[in-house]
Amino acid sequence: MALENCDTMKKARAWLESHDIEYTFHDYKEAGIDKARVETWMKIAGWETLLNRGGTTFRKLPDEAKQDLDEQKALKLMLDQPSMIKRPVLERGKTLLVGFSPDKYAQL
């Protein structure tokens, strides 16, 4: 998970806590994220799901950086600016959830 002050993160953390689910918080904007982990997430969820195109960081990119996106270009964007990773990312066993949805979390 990432970005402690993000409203979506706050909702996800509150949900986990209210359901007594232990978690480890990793702020990848502050602490960084390694390439192998992002690549694994991309294999499971797809880069299209993982890349946060709706966020301010992505919207502020020059148009040429947003054009012709593919897996490698998306990977570089997310590694260079981790705030472009959609949040939260929840890993639990073999399950990976991207974004917060109480319905999806309830299936954990």
PDB file of N, CA and C in Angstrom:
ATOM      1  N   MET A   1       0.846  -1.177   0.000  1.00  0.00           N
ATOM      2  CA  MET A   1       0.000   0.000   0.000  1.00  0.00           C
ATOM      3  C   MET A   1       0.886   1.233   0.000  1.00  0.00           C
ATOM      4  N   ALA A   2       0.310   2.358  -0.315  1.00  0.00           N
ATOM      5  CA  ALA A   2       1.144   3.544  -0.382  1.00  0.00           C
ATOM      6  C   ALA A   2       0.362   4.814  -0.103  1.00  0.00           C
ATOM      7  N   LEU A   3       1.106   5.829   0.155  1.00  0.00           N
ATOM      8  CA  LEU A   3       0.631   7.188   0.327  1.00  0.00           C
ATOM      9  C   LEU A   3      -0.334   7.337   1.506  1.00  0.00           C
ATOM     10  N   GLU A   4       0.253   7.499   2.651  1.00  0.00           N
ATOM     11  CA  GLU A   4      -0.465   7.507   3.921  1.00  0.00           C
ATOM     12  C   GLU A   4      -1.618   8.509   3.993  1.00  0.00           C
ATOM     13  N   ASN A   5      -1.497   9.666   3.367  1.00  0.00           N
ATOM     14  CA  ASN A   5      -2.518  10.696   3.502  1.00  0.00           C
ATOM     15  C   ASN A   5      -3.587  10.663   2.412  1.00  0.00           C
ATOM     16  N   CYS A   6      -3.498   9.732   1.505  1.00  0.00           N
ATOM     17  CA  CYS A   6      -4.462   9.587   0.425  1.00  0.00           C
ATOM     18  C   CYS A   6      -5.818   9.172   1.004  1.00  0.00           C
ATOM     19  N   ASP A   7      -6.906   9.789   0.555  1.00  0.00           N
ATOM     20  CA  ASP A   7      -8.239   9.457   1.067  1.00  0.00           C
ATOM     21  C   ASP A   7      -8.605   7.995   0.823  1.00  0.00           C
ATOM     22  N   THR A   8      -8.254   7.484  -0.345  1.00  0.00           N
ATOM     23  CA  THR A   8      -8.550   6.088  -0.639  1.00  0.00           C
ATOM     24  C   THR A   8      -7.778   5.175   0.294  1.00  0.00           C
ATOM     25  N   MET A   9      -6.535   5.548   0.579  1.00  0.00           N
ATOM     26  CA  MET A   9      -5.735   4.758   1.520  1.00  0.00           C
ATOM     27  C   MET A   9      -6.366   4.784   2.907  1.00  0.00           C
ATOM     28  N   LYS A  10      -6.841   5.928   3.317  1.00  0.00           N
ATOM     29  CA  LYS A  10      -7.472   6.039   4.633  1.00  0.00           C
ATOM     30  C   LYS A  10      -8.689   5.129   4.727  1.00  0.00           C
ATOM     31  N   LYS A  11      -9.485   5.086   3.648  1.00  0.00           N
ATOM     32  CA  LYS A  11     -10.666   4.218   3.633  1.00  0.00           C
ATOM     33  C   LYS A  11     -10.258   2.751   3.716  1.00  0.00           C
ATOM     34  N   ALA A  12      -9.248   2.377   2.951  1.00  0.00           N
ATOM     35  CA  ALA A  12      -8.789   0.987   2.943  1.00  0.00           C
ATOM     36  C   ALA A  12      -8.253   0.592   4.317  1.00  0.00           C
ATOM     37  N   ARG A  13      -7.441   1.449   4.896  1.00  0.00           N
ATOM     38  CA  ARG A  13      -6.878   1.142   6.213  1.00  0.00           C
ATOM     39  C   ARG A  13      -7.977   1.055   7.270  1.00  0.00           C
ATOM     40  N   ALA A  14      -8.947   1.962   7.218  1.00  0.00           N
ATOM     41  CA  ALA A  14     -10.056   1.929   8.174  1.00  0.00           C
ATOM     42  C   ALA A  14     -10.853   0.636   8.019  1.00  0.00           C
ATOM     43  N   TRP A  15     -11.069   0.206   6.772  1.00  0.00           N
ATOM     44  CA  TRP A  15     -11.798  -1.033   6.538  1.00  0.00           C
ATOM     45  C   TRP A  15     -11.026  -2.216   7.119  1.00  0.00           C
ATOM     46  N   LEU A  16      -9.755  -2.301   6.829  1.00  0.00           N
ATOM     47  CA  LEU A  16      -8.937  -3.401   7.343  1.00  0.00           C
ATOM     48  C   LEU A  16      -8.948  -3.424   8.871  1.00  0.00           C
ATOM     49  N   GLU A  17      -8.786  -2.260   9.476  1.00  0.00           N
ATOM     50  CA  GLU A  17      -8.760  -2.180  10.941  1.00  0.00           C
ATOM     51  C   GLU A  17     -10.114  -2.545  11.540  1.00  0.00           C
ATOM     52  N   SER A  18     -11.199  -2.099  10.920  1.00  0.00           N
ATOM     53  CA  SER A  18     -12.531  -2.397  11.459  1.00  0.00           C
ATOM     54  C   SER A  18     -12.883  -3.878  11.331  1.00  0.00           C
ATOM     55  N   HIS A  19     -12.178  -4.578  10.449  1.00  0.00           N
ATOM     56  CA  HIS A  19     -12.397  -6.014  10.278  1.00  0.00           C
ATOM     57  C   HIS A  19     -11.264  -6.844  10.903  1.00  0.00           C
ATOM     58  N   ASP A  20     -10.479  -6.188  11.744  1.00  0.00           N
ATOM     59  CA  ASP A  20      -9.385  -6.850  12.473  1.00  0.00           C
ATOM     60  C   ASP A  20      -8.446  -7.633  11.567  1.00  0.00           C
ATOM     61  N   ILE A  21      -8.116  -7.049  10.416  1.00  0.00           N
ATOM     62  CA  ILE A  21      -7.171  -7.663   9.487  1.00  0.00           C
ATOM     63  C   ILE A  21      -5.845  -6.941   9.629  1.00  0.00           C
ATOM     64  N   GLU A  22      -4.836  -7.699  10.028  1.00  0.00           N
ATOM     65  CA  GLU A  22      -3.504  -7.117  10.181  1.00  0.00           C
ATOM     66  C   GLU A  22      -2.904  -6.838   8.808  1.00  0.00           C
ATOM     67  N   TYR A  23      -2.128  -5.781   8.732  1.00  0.00           N
ATOM     68  CA  TYR A  23      -1.479  -5.437   7.474  1.00  0.00           C
ATOM     69  C   TYR A  23      -0.175  -4.715   7.755  1.00  0.00           C
ATOM     70  N   THR A  24       0.675  -4.708   6.764  1.00  0.00           N
ATOM     71  CA  THR A  24       1.911  -3.941   6.818  1.00  0.00           C
ATOM     72  C   THR A  24       1.781  -2.831   5.794  1.00  0.00           C
ATOM     73  N   PHE A  25       1.973  -1.616   6.221  1.00  0.00           N
ATOM     74  CA  PHE A  25       1.856  -0.457   5.346  1.00  0.00           C
ATOM     75  C   PHE A  25       3.219  -0.130   4.751  1.00  0.00           C
ATOM     76  N   HIS A  26       3.264   0.008   3.446  1.00  0.00           N
ATOM     77  CA  HIS A  26       4.497   0.400   2.759  1.00  0.00           C
ATOM     78  C   HIS A  26       4.180   1.609   1.899  1.00  0.00           C
ATOM     79  N   ASP A  27       4.736   2.754   2.250  1.00  0.00           N
ATOM     80  CA  ASP A  27       4.528   3.979   1.481  1.00  0.00           C
ATOM     81  C   ASP A  27       5.555   4.020   0.364  1.00  0.00           C
ATOM     82  N   TYR A  28       5.187   3.527  -0.814  1.00  0.00           N
ATOM     83  CA  TYR A  28       6.162   3.439  -1.887  1.00  0.00           C
ATOM     84  C   TYR A  28       6.501   4.782  -2.494  1.00  0.00           C
ATOM     85  N   LYS A  29       5.741   5.802  -2.176  1.00  0.00           N
ATOM     86  CA  LYS A  29       6.133   7.137  -2.632  1.00  0.00           C
ATOM     87  C   LYS A  29       7.331   7.625  -1.819  1.00  0.00           C
ATOM     88  N   GLU A  30       7.327   7.325  -0.525  1.00  0.00           N
ATOM     89  CA  GLU A  30       8.426   7.732   0.356  1.00  0.00           C
ATOM     90  C   GLU A  30       9.576   6.724   0.356  1.00  0.00           C
ATOM     91  N   ALA A  31       9.244   5.447   0.455  1.00  0.00           N
ATOM     92  CA  ALA A  31      10.263   4.409   0.606  1.00  0.00           C
ATOM     93  C   ALA A  31      10.717   3.812  -0.723  1.00  0.00           C
ATOM     94  N   GLY A  32       9.993   4.121  -1.782  1.00  0.00           N
ATOM     95  CA  GLY A  32      10.335   3.564  -3.083  1.00  0.00           C
ATOM     96  C   GLY A  32       9.724   2.193  -3.278  1.00  0.00           C
ATOM     97  N   ILE A  33       9.872   1.700  -4.482  1.00  0.00           N
ATOM     98  CA  ILE A  33       9.343   0.391  -4.840  1.00  0.00           C
ATOM     99  C   ILE A  33      10.323  -0.243  -5.810  1.00  0.00           C
ATOM    100  N   ASP A  34      10.557  -1.544  -5.657  1.00  0.00           N
ATOM    101  CA  ASP A  34      11.545  -2.174  -6.529  1.00  0.00           C
ATOM    102  C   ASP A  34      10.893  -2.668  -7.819  1.00  0.00           C
ATOM    103  N   LYS A  35      11.697  -2.723  -8.836  1.00  0.00           N
ATOM    104  CA  LYS A  35      11.249  -3.097 -10.176  1.00  0.00           C
ATOM    105  C   LYS A  35      10.593  -4.476 -10.184  1.00  0.00           C
ATOM    106  N   ALA A  36      11.181  -5.428  -9.484  1.00  0.00           N
ATOM    107  CA  ALA A  36      10.646  -6.788  -9.478  1.00  0.00           C
ATOM    108  C   ALA A  36       9.219  -6.833  -8.940  1.00  0.00           C
ATOM    109  N   ARG A  37       8.944  -6.078  -7.903  1.00  0.00           N
ATOM    110  CA  ARG A  37       7.600  -6.071  -7.322  1.00  0.00           C
ATOM    111  C   ARG A  37       6.596  -5.467  -8.304  1.00  0.00           C
ATOM    112  N   VAL A  38       6.954  -4.341  -8.933  1.00  0.00           N
ATOM    113  CA  VAL A  38       6.045  -3.717  -9.894  1.00  0.00           C
ATOM    114  C   VAL A  38       5.804  -4.665 -11.072  1.00  0.00           C
ATOM    115  N   GLU A  39       6.856  -5.326 -11.524  1.00  0.00           N
ATOM    116  CA  GLU A  39       6.701  -6.281 -12.630  1.00  0.00           C
ATOM    117  C   GLU A  39       5.770  -7.430 -12.235  1.00  0.00           C
ATOM    118  N   THR A  40       5.886  -7.908 -11.008  1.00  0.00           N
ATOM    119  CA  THR A  40       5.001  -8.967 -10.524  1.00  0.00           C
ATOM    120  C   THR A  40       3.559  -8.481 -10.495  1.00  0.00           C
ATOM    121  N   TRP A  41       3.346  -7.299  -9.958  1.00  0.00           N
ATOM    122  CA  TRP A  41       1.994  -6.729  -9.924  1.00  0.00           C
ATOM    123  C   TRP A  41       1.429  -6.590 -11.336  1.00  0.00           C
ATOM    124  N   MET A  42       2.283  -6.155 -12.270  1.00  0.00           N
ATOM    125  CA  MET A  42       1.836  -5.989 -13.652  1.00  0.00           C
ATOM    126  C   MET A  42       1.438  -7.329 -14.264  1.00  0.00           C
ATOM    127  N   LYS A  43       2.164  -8.387 -13.942  1.00  0.00           N
ATOM    128  CA  LYS A  43       1.832  -9.718 -14.460  1.00  0.00           C
ATOM    129  C   LYS A  43       0.490 -10.187 -13.920  1.00  0.00           C
ATOM    130  N   ILE A  44       0.213  -9.880 -12.668  1.00  0.00           N
ATOM    131  CA  ILE A  44      -1.025 -10.334 -12.037  1.00  0.00           C
ATOM    132  C   ILE A  44      -2.215  -9.464 -12.447  1.00  0.00           C
ATOM    133  N   ALA A  45      -2.060  -8.142 -12.329  1.00  0.00           N
ATOM    134  CA  ALA A  45      -3.184  -7.232 -12.529  1.00  0.00           C
ATOM    135  C   ALA A  45      -3.209  -6.577 -13.907  1.00  0.00           C
ATOM    136  N   GLY A  46      -2.065  -6.558 -14.582  1.00  0.00           N
ATOM    137  CA  GLY A  46      -1.970  -5.846 -15.858  1.00  0.00           C
ATOM    138  C   GLY A  46      -1.526  -4.412 -15.640  1.00  0.00           C
ATOM    139  N   TRP A  47      -0.675  -3.929 -16.518  1.00  0.00           N
ATOM    140  CA  TRP A  47      -0.170  -2.556 -16.355  1.00  0.00           C
ATOM    141  C   TRP A  47      -1.286  -1.546 -16.500  1.00  0.00           C
ATOM    142  N   GLU A  48      -2.305  -1.870 -17.297  1.00  0.00           N
ATOM    143  CA  GLU A  48      -3.410  -0.932 -17.505  1.00  0.00           C
ATOM    144  C   GLU A  48      -4.171  -0.683 -16.210  1.00  0.00           C
ATOM    145  N   THR A  49      -4.267  -1.711 -15.369  1.00  0.00           N
ATOM    146  CA  THR A  49      -4.941  -1.584 -14.078  1.00  0.00           C
ATOM    147  C   THR A  49      -4.056  -0.865 -13.076  1.00  0.00           C
ATOM    148  N   LEU A  50      -2.777  -1.152 -13.105  1.00  0.00           N
ATOM    149  CA  LEU A  50      -1.845  -0.633 -12.107  1.00  0.00           C
ATOM    150  C   LEU A  50      -1.491   0.838 -12.322  1.00  0.00           C
ATOM    151  N   LEU A  51      -1.441   1.280 -13.563  1.00  0.00           N
ATOM    152  CA  LEU A  51      -1.069   2.664 -13.859  1.00  0.00           C
ATOM    153  C   LEU A  51      -2.237   3.596 -13.565  1.00  0.00           C
ATOM    154  N   ASN A  52      -2.024   4.564 -12.708  1.00  0.00           N
ATOM    155  CA  ASN A  52      -3.059   5.512 -12.310  1.00  0.00           C
ATOM    156  C   ASN A  52      -3.113   6.670 -13.312  1.00  0.00           C
ATOM    157  N   ARG A  53      -3.922   6.499 -14.329  1.00  0.00           N
ATOM    158  CA  ARG A  53      -4.055   7.539 -15.361  1.00  0.00           C
ATOM    159  C   ARG A  53      -4.936   8.697 -14.915  1.00  0.00           C
ATOM    160  N   GLY A  54      -5.682   8.493 -13.837  1.00  0.00           N
ATOM    161  CA  GLY A  54      -6.581   9.544 -13.362  1.00  0.00           C
ATOM    162  C   GLY A  54      -5.937  10.502 -12.375  1.00  0.00           C
ATOM    163  N   GLY A  55      -4.726  10.199 -11.948  1.00  0.00           N
ATOM    164  CA  GLY A  55      -4.071  11.023 -10.939  1.00  0.00           C
ATOM    165  C   GLY A  55      -3.424  12.274 -11.512  1.00  0.00           C
ATOM    166  N   THR A  56      -3.159  13.210 -10.638  1.00  0.00           N
ATOM    167  CA  THR A  56      -2.547  14.477 -11.013  1.00  0.00           C
ATOM    168  C   THR A  56      -1.183  14.289 -11.662  1.00  0.00           C
ATOM    169  N   THR A  57      -0.387  13.385 -11.129  1.00  0.00           N
ATOM    170  CA  THR A  57       0.966  13.175 -11.662  1.00  0.00           C
ATOM    171  C   THR A  57       0.904  12.759 -13.131  1.00  0.00           C
ATOM    172  N   PHE A  58       0.012  11.843 -13.457  1.00  0.00           N
ATOM    173  CA  PHE A  58      -0.118  11.398 -14.845  1.00  0.00           C
ATOM    174  C   PHE A  58      -0.661  12.512 -15.719  1.00  0.00           C
ATOM    175  N   ARG A  59      -1.666  13.210 -15.241  1.00  0.00           N
ATOM    176  CA  ARG A  59      -2.287  14.282 -16.042  1.00  0.00           C
ATOM    177  C   ARG A  59      -1.309  15.404 -16.346  1.00  0.00           C
ATOM    178  N   LYS A  60      -0.345  15.631 -15.474  1.00  0.00           N
ATOM    179  CA  LYS A  60       0.630  16.703 -15.687  1.00  0.00           C
ATOM    180  C   LYS A  60       1.761  16.325 -16.646  1.00  0.00           C
ATOM    181  N   LEU A  61       1.832  15.047 -17.024  1.00  0.00           N
ATOM    182  CA  LEU A  61       2.872  14.628 -17.954  1.00  0.00           C
ATOM    183  C   LEU A  61       2.686  15.312 -19.307  1.00  0.00           C
ATOM    184  N   PRO A  62       3.778  15.550 -20.016  1.00  0.00           N
ATOM    185  CA  PRO A  62       3.629  16.071 -21.375  1.00  0.00           C
ATOM    186  C   PRO A  62       2.876  15.043 -22.237  1.00  0.00           C
ATOM    187  N   ASP A  63       2.150  15.531 -23.229  1.00  0.00           N
ATOM    188  CA  ASP A  63       1.352  14.645 -24.072  1.00  0.00           C
ATOM    189  C   ASP A  63       2.174  13.516 -24.678  1.00  0.00           C
ATOM    190  N   GLU A  64       3.410  13.801 -25.087  1.00  0.00           N
ATOM    191  CA  GLU A  64       4.228  12.760 -25.721  1.00  0.00           C
ATOM    192  C   GLU A  64       4.551  11.615 -24.755  1.00  0.00           C
ATOM    193  N   ALA A  65       4.590  11.898 -23.456  1.00  0.00           N
ATOM    194  CA  ALA A  65       4.859  10.848 -22.470  1.00  0.00           C
ATOM    195  C   ALA A  65       3.638   9.937 -22.290  1.00  0.00           C
ATOM    196  N   LYS A  66       2.449  10.451 -22.600  1.00  0.00           N
ATOM    197  CA  LYS A  66       1.216   9.681 -22.442  1.00  0.00           C
ATOM    198  C   LYS A  66       0.847   8.897 -23.699  1.00  0.00           C
ATOM    199  N   GLN A  67       1.467   9.234 -24.796  1.00  0.00           N
ATOM    200  CA  GLN A  67       1.133   8.598 -26.067  1.00  0.00           C
ATOM    201  C   GLN A  67       1.838   7.253 -26.215  1.00  0.00           C
ATOM    202  N   ASP A  68       1.206   6.370 -26.946  1.00  0.00           N
ATOM    203  CA  ASP A  68       1.782   5.061 -27.266  1.00  0.00           C
ATOM    204  C   ASP A  68       2.248   4.303 -26.024  1.00  0.00           C
ATOM    205  N   LEU A  69       1.433   4.348 -24.977  1.00  0.00           N
ATOM    206  CA  LEU A  69       1.788   3.627 -23.755  1.00  0.00           C
ATOM    207  C   LEU A  69       1.790   2.130 -24.011  1.00  0.00           C
ATOM    208  N   ASP A  70       2.786   1.481 -23.468  1.00  0.00           N
ATOM    209  CA  ASP A  70       2.868   0.028 -23.483  1.00  0.00           C
ATOM    210  C   ASP A  70       3.412  -0.410 -22.135  1.00  0.00           C
ATOM    211  N   GLU A  71       3.608  -1.694 -21.972  1.00  0.00           N
ATOM    212  CA  GLU A  71       4.036  -2.231 -20.682  1.00  0.00           C
ATOM    213  C   GLU A  71       5.359  -1.637 -20.209  1.00  0.00           C
ATOM    214  N   GLN A  72       6.340  -1.547 -21.089  1.00  0.00           N
ATOM    215  CA  GLN A  72       7.657  -1.035 -20.702  1.00  0.00           C
ATOM    216  C   GLN A  72       7.615   0.455 -20.373  1.00  0.00           C
ATOM    217  N   LYS A  73       6.874   1.203 -21.138  1.00  0.00           N
ATOM    218  CA  LYS A  73       6.754   2.640 -20.881  1.00  0.00           C
ATOM    219  C   LYS A  73       6.015   2.876 -19.553  1.00  0.00           C
ATOM    220  N   ALA A  74       4.976   2.100 -19.309  1.00  0.00           N
ATOM    221  CA  ALA A  74       4.226   2.217 -18.055  1.00  0.00           C
ATOM    222  C   ALA A  74       5.106   1.844 -16.865  1.00  0.00           C
ATOM    223  N   LEU A  75       5.898   0.782 -17.012  1.00  0.00           N
ATOM    224  CA  LEU A  75       6.806   0.372 -15.942  1.00  0.00           C
ATOM    225  C   LEU A  75       7.772   1.497 -15.597  1.00  0.00           C
ATOM    226  N   LYS A  76       8.372   2.101 -16.600  1.00  0.00           N
ATOM    227  CA  LYS A  76       9.309   3.198 -16.369  1.00  0.00           C
ATOM    228  C   LYS A  76       8.623   4.368 -15.670  1.00  0.00           C
ATOM    229  N   LEU A  77       7.427   4.724 -16.106  1.00  0.00           N
ATOM    230  CA  LEU A  77       6.690   5.819 -15.466  1.00  0.00           C
ATOM    231  C   LEU A  77       6.448   5.530 -13.988  1.00  0.00           C
ATOM    232  N   MET A  78       6.019   4.298 -13.678  1.00  0.00           N
ATOM    233  CA  MET A  78       5.704   3.949 -12.290  1.00  0.00           C
ATOM    234  C   MET A  78       6.953   3.872 -11.419  1.00  0.00           C
ATOM    235  N   LEU A  79       8.066   3.427 -11.984  1.00  0.00           N
ATOM    236  CA  LEU A  79       9.307   3.371 -11.208  1.00  0.00           C
ATOM    237  C   LEU A  79       9.885   4.768 -10.998  1.00  0.00           C
ATOM    238  N   ASP A  80       9.782   5.616 -12.014  1.00  0.00           N
ATOM    239  CA  ASP A  80      10.299   6.984 -11.903  1.00  0.00           C
ATOM    240  C   ASP A  80       9.451   7.839 -10.964  1.00  0.00           C
ATOM    241  N   GLN A  81       8.140   7.596 -10.970  1.00  0.00           N
ATOM    242  CA  GLN A  81       7.215   8.376 -10.150  1.00  0.00           C
ATOM    243  C   GLN A  81       6.180   7.426  -9.538  1.00  0.00           C
ATOM    244  N   PRO A  82       6.510   6.819  -8.402  1.00  0.00           N
ATOM    245  CA  PRO A  82       5.625   5.817  -7.802  1.00  0.00           C
ATOM    246  C   PRO A  82       4.200   6.297  -7.517  1.00  0.00           C
ATOM    247  N   SER A  83       3.984   7.610  -7.462  1.00  0.00           N
ATOM    248  CA  SER A  83       2.612   8.078  -7.241  1.00  0.00           C
ATOM    249  C   SER A  83       1.731   7.776  -8.451  1.00  0.00           C
ATOM    250  N   MET A  84       2.327   7.291  -9.546  1.00  0.00           N
ATOM    251  CA  MET A  84       1.539   6.878 -10.707  1.00  0.00           C
ATOM    252  C   MET A  84       1.033   5.447 -10.572  1.00  0.00           C
ATOM    253  N   ILE A  85       1.360   4.785  -9.464  1.00  0.00           N
ATOM    254  CA  ILE A  85       0.813   3.460  -9.196  1.00  0.00           C
ATOM    255  C   ILE A  85      -0.536   3.657  -8.510  1.00  0.00           C
ATOM    256  N   LYS A  86      -1.566   3.050  -9.087  1.00  0.00           N
ATOM    257  CA  LYS A  86      -2.897   3.154  -8.490  1.00  0.00           C
ATOM    258  C   LYS A  86      -2.842   2.597  -7.078  1.00  0.00           C
ATOM    259  N   ARG A  87      -3.595   3.165  -6.187  1.00  0.00           N
ATOM    260  CA  ARG A  87      -3.570   2.728  -4.805  1.00  0.00           C
ATOM    261  C   ARG A  87      -4.976   2.538  -4.271  1.00  0.00           C
ATOM    262  N   PRO A  88      -5.019   1.758  -3.230  1.00  0.00           N
ATOM    263  CA  PRO A  88      -3.968   0.943  -2.644  1.00  0.00           C
ATOM    264  C   PRO A  88      -3.733  -0.324  -3.452  1.00  0.00           C
ATOM    265  N   VAL A  89      -2.581  -0.913  -3.225  1.00  0.00           N
ATOM    266  CA  VAL A  89      -2.288  -2.250  -3.737  1.00  0.00           C
ATOM    267  C   VAL A  89      -2.214  -3.137  -2.501  1.00  0.00           C
ATOM    268  N   LEU A  90      -3.078  -4.117  -2.461  1.00  0.00           N
ATOM    269  CA  LEU A  90      -3.143  -5.009  -1.310  1.00  0.00           C
ATOM    270  C   LEU A  90      -2.722  -6.409  -1.745  1.00  0.00           C
ATOM    271  N   GLU A  91      -1.661  -6.897  -1.116  1.00  0.00           N
ATOM    272  CA  GLU A  91      -1.195  -8.259  -1.349  1.00  0.00           C
ATOM    273  C   GLU A  91      -1.589  -9.094  -0.143  1.00  0.00           C
ATOM    274  N   ARG A  92      -2.260 -10.190  -0.414  1.00  0.00           N
ATOM    275  CA  ARG A  92      -2.604 -11.106   0.675  1.00  0.00           C
ATOM    276  C   ARG A  92      -2.546 -12.514   0.117  1.00  0.00           C
ATOM    277  N   GLY A  93      -1.494 -13.220   0.485  1.00  0.00           N
ATOM    278  CA  GLY A  93      -1.277 -14.540  -0.088  1.00  0.00           C
ATOM    279  C   GLY A  93      -1.069 -14.408  -1.586  1.00  0.00           C
ATOM    280  N   LYS A  94      -1.865 -15.123  -2.348  1.00  0.00           N
ATOM    281  CA  LYS A  94      -1.766 -15.040  -3.807  1.00  0.00           C
ATOM    282  C   LYS A  94      -2.744 -14.030  -4.398  1.00  0.00           C
ATOM    283  N   THR A  95      -3.447 -13.318  -3.517  1.00  0.00           N
ATOM    284  CA  THR A  95      -4.434 -12.334  -3.961  1.00  0.00           C
ATOM    285  C   THR A  95      -3.794 -10.956  -4.064  1.00  0.00           C
ATOM    286  N   LEU A  96      -4.109 -10.253  -5.150  1.00  0.00           N
ATOM    287  CA  LEU A  96      -3.652  -8.880  -5.348  1.00  0.00           C
ATOM    288  C   LEU A  96      -4.870  -8.052  -5.704  1.00  0.00           C
ATOM    289  N   LEU A  97      -5.150  -7.042  -4.895  1.00  0.00           N
ATOM    290  CA  LEU A  97      -6.244  -6.122  -5.176  1.00  0.00           C
ATOM    291  C   LEU A  97      -5.662  -4.742  -5.437  1.00  0.00           C
ATOM    292  N   VAL A  98      -6.110  -4.111  -6.511  1.00  0.00           N
ATOM    293  CA  VAL A  98      -5.646  -2.769  -6.864  1.00  0.00           C
ATOM    294  C   VAL A  98      -6.845  -1.842  -6.769  1.00  0.00           C
ATOM    295  N   GLY A  99      -6.713  -0.798  -5.973  1.00  0.00           N
ATOM    296  CA  GLY A  99      -7.834   0.098  -5.713  1.00  0.00           C
ATOM    297  C   GLY A  99      -8.623  -0.425  -4.522  1.00  0.00           C
ATOM    298  N   PHE A 100      -9.466   0.420  -3.953  1.00  0.00           N
ATOM    299  CA  PHE A 100     -10.243   0.003  -2.787  1.00  0.00           C
ATOM    300  C   PHE A 100     -11.702  -0.173  -3.155  1.00  0.00           C
ATOM    301  N   SER A 101     -12.220  -1.321  -2.790  1.00  0.00           N
ATOM    302  CA  SER A 101     -13.647  -1.626  -2.924  1.00  0.00           C
ATOM    303  C   SER A 101     -14.033  -2.471  -1.722  1.00  0.00           C
ATOM    304  N   PRO A 102     -14.957  -1.983  -0.905  1.00  0.00           N
ATOM    305  CA  PRO A 102     -15.371  -2.778   0.250  1.00  0.00           C
ATOM    306  C   PRO A 102     -15.853  -4.172  -0.150  1.00  0.00           C
ATOM    307  N   ASP A 103     -16.522  -4.298  -1.289  1.00  0.00           N
ATOM    308  CA  ASP A 103     -17.007  -5.604  -1.731  1.00  0.00           C
ATOM    309  C   ASP A 103     -15.864  -6.552  -2.024  1.00  0.00           C
ATOM    310  N   LYS A 104     -14.833  -6.064  -2.703  1.00  0.00           N
ATOM    311  CA  LYS A 104     -13.672  -6.909  -3.011  1.00  0.00           C
ATOM    312  C   LYS A 104     -12.904  -7.262  -1.745  1.00  0.00           C
ATOM    313  N   TYR A 105     -12.742  -6.285  -0.861  1.00  0.00           N
ATOM    314  CA  TYR A 105     -12.036  -6.553   0.395  1.00  0.00           C
ATOM    315  C   TYR A 105     -12.792  -7.575   1.237  1.00  0.00           C
ATOM    316  N   ALA A 106     -14.118  -7.553   1.183  1.00  0.00           N
ATOM    317  CA  ALA A 106     -14.926  -8.487   1.973  1.00  0.00           C
ATOM    318  C   ALA A 106     -14.712  -9.929   1.535  1.00  0.00           C
ATOM    319  N   GLN A 107     -14.197 -10.133   0.335  1.00  0.00           N
ATOM    320  CA  GLN A 107     -13.957 -11.488  -0.174  1.00  0.00           C
ATOM    321  C   GLN A 107     -12.621 -12.049   0.296  1.00  0.00           C
ATOM    322  N   LEU A 108     -11.844 -11.248   1.034  1.00  0.00           N
ATOM    323  CA  LEU A 108     -10.527 -11.723   1.480  1.00  0.00           C
ATOM    324  C   LEU A 108     -10.630 -12.902   2.393  1.00  0.00           C
TER     325      LEU A 108
END
